[in-house]
Amino acid sequence: MGGKFGLTEILLILAVVVLLFGGKKIPELMKGLGTGIKEFKNAAKDENTAPSKKAQEENKL
């Protein structure tokens, strides 16, 4: 159980997703997922490059 999925498991998961959401809804879900991941990465990048408020306050002292 090393977290590896075989072809059978992946196909089963895809079949369940298609049955639950239908073929027309899946592109909308993937678009929303992609947008969310993009926003998360941008926020993480901004957090790493922008100085924190605590660091700015320490520099004022």
Protein backbone atom coordinates (compact mmCIF):
# COMPACT_ATOMS: atom_id res chain seq x y z
CA MET A 1 0.00 0.00 0.00
CA GLY A 2 2.71 2.47 -0.95
CA GLY A 3 0.18 4.93 -2.33
CA LYS A 4 0.60 3.70 -5.89
CA PHE A 5 -2.50 3.40 -8.02
CA GLY A 6 -2.71 0.91 -10.84
CA LEU A 7 -4.52 1.39 -14.11
CA THR A 8 -7.58 -0.46 -12.82
CA GLU A 9 -7.94 1.80 -9.78
CA ILE A 10 -7.55 4.97 -11.85
CA LEU A 11 -10.16 3.81 -14.37
CA LEU A 12 -12.55 2.91 -11.55
CA ILE A 13 -12.14 6.34 -9.96
CA LEU A 14 -12.71 8.06 -13.32
CA ALA A 15 -15.84 5.99 -13.91
CA VAL A 16 -17.24 6.96 -10.51
CA VAL A 17 -16.51 10.65 -11.17
CA VAL A 18 -18.26 10.49 -14.54
CA LEU A 19 -21.27 8.77 -12.99
CA LEU A 20 -21.50 11.27 -10.14
CA PHE A 21 -21.01 14.50 -12.07
CA GLY A 22 -21.82 13.64 -15.66
CA GLY A 23 -19.71 14.32 -18.71
CA LYS A 24 -20.71 17.97 -19.06
CA LYS A 25 -19.86 18.98 -15.51
CA ILE A 26 -16.32 17.56 -15.43
CA PRO A 27 -14.66 20.33 -17.53
CA GLU A 28 -16.16 22.94 -15.19
CA LEU A 29 -14.82 21.07 -12.17
CA MET A 30 -11.34 20.80 -13.70
CA LYS A 31 -11.35 24.50 -14.61
CA GLY A 32 -12.27 25.40 -11.04
CA LEU A 33 -9.60 23.08 -9.68
CA GLY A 34 -6.98 24.58 -11.99
CA THR A 35 -7.95 28.11 -10.98
CA GLY A 36 -7.74 27.19 -7.31
CA ILE A 37 -4.30 25.64 -7.69
CA LYS A 38 -3.09 28.67 -9.65
CA GLU A 39 -4.32 31.07 -6.96
CA PHE A 40 -2.74 28.95 -4.24
CA LYS A 41 0.63 28.96 -6.01
CA ASN A 42 0.45 32.74 -6.55
CA ALA A 43 -0.39 33.31 -2.89
CA ALA A 44 2.46 31.05 -1.78
CA LYS A 45 4.88 32.86 -4.10
CA ASP A 46 3.73 36.27 -2.83
CA GLU A 47 4.11 35.11 0.76
CA ASN A 48 7.69 33.99 0.13
CA THR A 49 8.76 37.17 -1.68
CA ALA A 50 6.94 39.80 0.36
CA PRO A 51 8.40 40.67 3.75
CA SER A 52 6.13 39.76 6.60
CA LYS A 53 4.46 42.38 8.79
CA LYS A 54 6.45 41.16 11.78
CA ALA A 55 9.74 41.66 9.93
CA GLN A 56 8.68 45.16 8.88
CA GLU A 57 7.79 46.05 12.48
CA GLU A 58 11.15 44.76 13.70
CA ASN A 59 12.95 46.92 11.15
CA LYS A 60 11.14 50.02 12.46
CA LEU A 61 12.56 49.44 15.93
